[in-house]
Amino acid sequence: MDADYPILADPAKETARAYGVLGRFGVPNRWTFYIGVDGRILHIEKAVTVSTAGADVAATLGTLQVAKR
């Protein structure tokens, strides 16, 4: 993947617990959090579709008016 933004891997599920996305059976929900440069959450996408995730992220970044790098 050639993303110009950070992506989190969370094998210990610490961040999933902190963000409240750990599901009933200990599996994190597949949500995308858009976090601004100031650390505030700009948007949470709870309906992630794996096959269109890249295009969906790009579209949401555009909607949020995040400047392209």
N, C-alpha and C. Protein backbone atom coordinates (compact mmCIF):
# COMPACT_ATOMS: atom_id res chain seq x y z
N MET A 1 0.85 -1.17 0.00
CA MET A 1 0.00 0.00 0.00
C MET A 1 0.89 1.23 0.00
N ASP A 2 0.48 2.21 -0.76
CA ASP A 2 1.27 3.43 -0.90
C ASP A 2 0.49 4.62 -0.32
N ALA A 3 0.11 4.52 0.94
CA ALA A 3 -0.66 5.58 1.60
C ALA A 3 0.28 6.66 2.11
N ASP A 4 -0.18 7.90 2.06
CA ASP A 4 0.62 9.01 2.60
C ASP A 4 0.06 9.49 3.94
N TYR A 5 -0.58 8.58 4.64
CA TYR A 5 -1.13 8.86 5.96
C TYR A 5 -0.89 7.63 6.83
N PRO A 6 -0.83 7.81 8.15
CA PRO A 6 -0.55 6.67 9.04
C PRO A 6 -1.74 5.72 9.13
N ILE A 7 -1.42 4.44 9.22
CA ILE A 7 -2.41 3.39 9.41
C ILE A 7 -1.97 2.59 10.64
N LEU A 8 -2.91 2.28 11.50
CA LEU A 8 -2.60 1.59 12.75
C LEU A 8 -2.82 0.09 12.64
N ALA A 9 -1.85 -0.69 13.10
CA ALA A 9 -2.04 -2.12 13.32
C ALA A 9 -2.10 -2.30 14.84
N ASP A 10 -3.03 -3.12 15.31
CA ASP A 10 -3.29 -3.21 16.75
C ASP A 10 -3.42 -4.67 17.20
N PRO A 11 -2.37 -5.48 17.05
CA PRO A 11 -2.49 -6.90 17.38
C PRO A 11 -2.82 -7.19 18.85
N ALA A 12 -2.44 -6.30 19.76
CA ALA A 12 -2.74 -6.51 21.18
C ALA A 12 -4.13 -5.99 21.57
N LYS A 13 -4.81 -5.33 20.63
CA LYS A 13 -6.17 -4.81 20.82
C LYS A 13 -6.26 -3.69 21.86
N GLU A 14 -5.13 -3.08 22.19
CA GLU A 14 -5.12 -2.00 23.18
C GLU A 14 -5.87 -0.76 22.66
N THR A 15 -5.61 -0.41 21.43
CA THR A 15 -6.28 0.76 20.86
C THR A 15 -7.75 0.48 20.64
N ALA A 16 -8.08 -0.74 20.21
CA ALA A 16 -9.49 -1.12 20.03
C ALA A 16 -10.26 -0.95 21.33
N ARG A 17 -9.65 -1.36 22.42
CA ARG A 17 -10.30 -1.18 23.74
C ARG A 17 -10.46 0.30 24.06
N ALA A 18 -9.41 1.07 23.83
CA ALA A 18 -9.44 2.51 24.16
C ALA A 18 -10.49 3.25 23.34
N TYR A 19 -10.70 2.84 22.10
CA TYR A 19 -11.67 3.50 21.22
C TYR A 19 -13.06 2.87 21.30
N GLY A 20 -13.21 1.83 22.10
CA GLY A 20 -14.52 1.23 22.30
C GLY A 20 -15.05 0.45 21.12
N VAL A 21 -14.16 -0.14 20.33
CA VAL A 21 -14.61 -0.88 19.16
C VAL A 21 -14.45 -2.40 19.30
N LEU A 22 -14.07 -2.84 20.47
CA LEU A 22 -13.90 -4.28 20.68
C LEU A 22 -15.28 -4.92 20.77
N GLY A 23 -15.53 -5.87 19.88
CA GLY A 23 -16.83 -6.52 19.81
C GLY A 23 -17.06 -7.53 20.91
N ARG A 24 -18.23 -8.11 20.88
CA ARG A 24 -18.66 -9.05 21.91
C ARG A 24 -17.72 -10.23 22.10
N PHE A 25 -17.17 -10.74 21.03
CA PHE A 25 -16.34 -11.94 21.11
C PHE A 25 -14.85 -11.61 21.07
N GLY A 26 -14.50 -10.38 21.38
CA GLY A 26 -13.10 -9.97 21.43
C GLY A 26 -12.50 -9.61 20.09
N VAL A 27 -13.33 -9.52 19.06
CA VAL A 27 -12.86 -9.14 17.73
C VAL A 27 -13.24 -7.67 17.50
N PRO A 28 -12.27 -6.84 17.14
CA PRO A 28 -12.59 -5.43 16.92
C PRO A 28 -13.51 -5.23 15.71
N ASN A 29 -14.41 -4.28 15.83
CA ASN A 29 -15.23 -3.88 14.70
C ASN A 29 -14.33 -3.19 13.68
N ARG A 30 -14.62 -3.35 12.41
CA ARG A 30 -13.82 -2.75 11.35
C ARG A 30 -14.35 -1.35 11.07
N TRP A 31 -13.92 -0.40 11.87
CA TRP A 31 -14.31 0.99 11.71
C TRP A 31 -13.10 1.80 11.28
N THR A 32 -13.33 2.88 10.58
CA THR A 32 -12.24 3.78 10.19
C THR A 32 -12.42 5.10 10.93
N PHE A 33 -11.39 5.51 11.63
CA PHE A 33 -11.39 6.78 12.35
C PHE A 33 -10.54 7.77 11.56
N TYR A 34 -11.09 8.92 11.28
CA TYR A 34 -10.36 10.00 10.61
C TYR A 34 -9.99 11.00 11.70
N ILE A 35 -8.70 11.16 11.93
CA ILE A 35 -8.22 11.99 13.02
C ILE A 35 -7.45 13.17 12.45
N GLY A 36 -7.85 14.37 12.85
CA GLY A 36 -7.22 15.59 12.35
C GLY A 36 -5.83 15.79 12.91
N VAL A 37 -5.12 16.72 12.32
CA VAL A 37 -3.75 17.01 12.77
C VAL A 37 -3.71 17.49 14.21
N ASP A 38 -4.85 17.99 14.70
CA ASP A 38 -4.94 18.45 16.08
C ASP A 38 -5.30 17.32 17.05
N GLY A 39 -5.46 16.10 16.52
CA GLY A 39 -5.76 14.95 17.37
C GLY A 39 -7.24 14.69 17.58
N ARG A 40 -8.10 15.58 17.07
CA ARG A 40 -9.55 15.39 17.23
C ARG A 40 -10.08 14.43 16.18
N ILE A 41 -11.08 13.65 16.57
CA ILE A 41 -11.73 12.75 15.62
C ILE A 41 -12.64 13.57 14.73
N LEU A 42 -12.40 13.50 13.43
CA LEU A 42 -13.19 14.24 12.46
C LEU A 42 -14.42 13.45 12.01
N HIS A 43 -14.27 12.14 11.94
CA HIS A 43 -15.34 11.29 11.43
C HIS A 43 -15.04 9.84 11.80
N ILE A 44 -16.09 9.07 12.02
CA ILE A 44 -15.96 7.63 12.25
C ILE A 44 -16.83 6.93 11.22
N GLU A 45 -16.21 6.08 10.41
CA GLU A 45 -16.95 5.30 9.42
C GLU A 45 -17.17 3.91 9.99
N LYS A 46 -18.42 3.59 10.27
CA LYS A 46 -18.75 2.30 10.88
C LYS A 46 -19.19 1.26 9.86
N ALA A 47 -19.44 1.67 8.64
CA ALA A 47 -19.89 0.75 7.59
C ALA A 47 -18.77 0.57 6.57
N VAL A 48 -17.68 -0.07 6.96
CA VAL A 48 -16.53 -0.26 6.09
C VAL A 48 -16.77 -1.45 5.17
N THR A 49 -16.56 -1.24 3.89
CA THR A 49 -16.65 -2.30 2.89
C THR A 49 -15.24 -2.57 2.38
N VAL A 50 -14.75 -3.77 2.62
CA VAL A 50 -13.36 -4.10 2.31
C VAL A 50 -13.04 -3.84 0.84
N SER A 51 -13.91 -4.24 -0.05
CA SER A 51 -13.61 -4.13 -1.48
C SER A 51 -13.53 -2.69 -2.00
N THR A 52 -14.11 -1.75 -1.28
CA THR A 52 -14.09 -0.35 -1.72
C THR A 52 -13.43 0.58 -0.70
N ALA A 53 -12.75 0.01 0.28
CA ALA A 53 -12.22 0.81 1.38
C ALA A 53 -11.29 1.92 0.91
N GLY A 54 -10.39 1.63 -0.01
CA GLY A 54 -9.45 2.66 -0.47
C GLY A 54 -10.17 3.84 -1.10
N ALA A 55 -11.08 3.55 -2.02
CA ALA A 55 -11.85 4.61 -2.67
C ALA A 55 -12.73 5.35 -1.67
N ASP A 56 -13.29 4.61 -0.72
CA ASP A 56 -14.13 5.24 0.31
C ASP A 56 -13.33 6.19 1.18
N VAL A 57 -12.12 5.79 1.56
CA VAL A 57 -11.26 6.66 2.36
C VAL A 57 -10.94 7.93 1.58
N ALA A 58 -10.57 7.79 0.31
CA ALA A 58 -10.25 8.95 -0.52
C ALA A 58 -11.45 9.89 -0.62
N ALA A 59 -12.63 9.33 -0.82
CA ALA A 59 -13.84 10.15 -0.93
C ALA A 59 -14.14 10.87 0.38
N THR A 60 -14.00 10.17 1.49
CA THR A 60 -14.28 10.79 2.80
C THR A 60 -13.27 11.88 3.10
N LEU A 61 -12.01 11.66 2.77
CA LEU A 61 -11.00 12.71 2.98
C LEU A 61 -11.35 13.95 2.16
N GLY A 62 -11.87 13.75 0.96
CA GLY A 62 -12.31 14.86 0.15
C GLY A 62 -13.50 15.60 0.77
N THR A 63 -14.47 14.82 1.25
CA THR A 63 -15.64 15.40 1.91
C THR A 63 -15.24 16.20 3.15
N LEU A 64 -14.26 15.68 3.88
CA LEU A 64 -13.77 16.37 5.08
C LEU A 64 -12.85 17.54 4.74
N GLN A 65 -12.60 17.73 3.47
CA GLN A 65 -11.72 18.80 2.97
C GLN A 65 -10.31 18.71 3.53
N VAL A 66 -9.83 17.46 3.63
CA VAL A 66 -8.45 17.26 4.06
C VAL A 66 -7.56 17.53 2.84
N ALA A 67 -6.59 18.39 3.01
CA ALA A 67 -5.73 18.78 1.90
C ALA A 67 -4.93 17.59 1.39
N LYS A 68 -4.82 17.49 0.07
CA LYS A 68 -3.99 16.45 -0.54
C LYS A 68 -2.53 16.81 -0.33
N ARG A 69 -1.72 15.78 -0.20
CA ARG A 69 -0.26 16.02 -0.04
C ARG A 69 0.43 15.92 -1.37
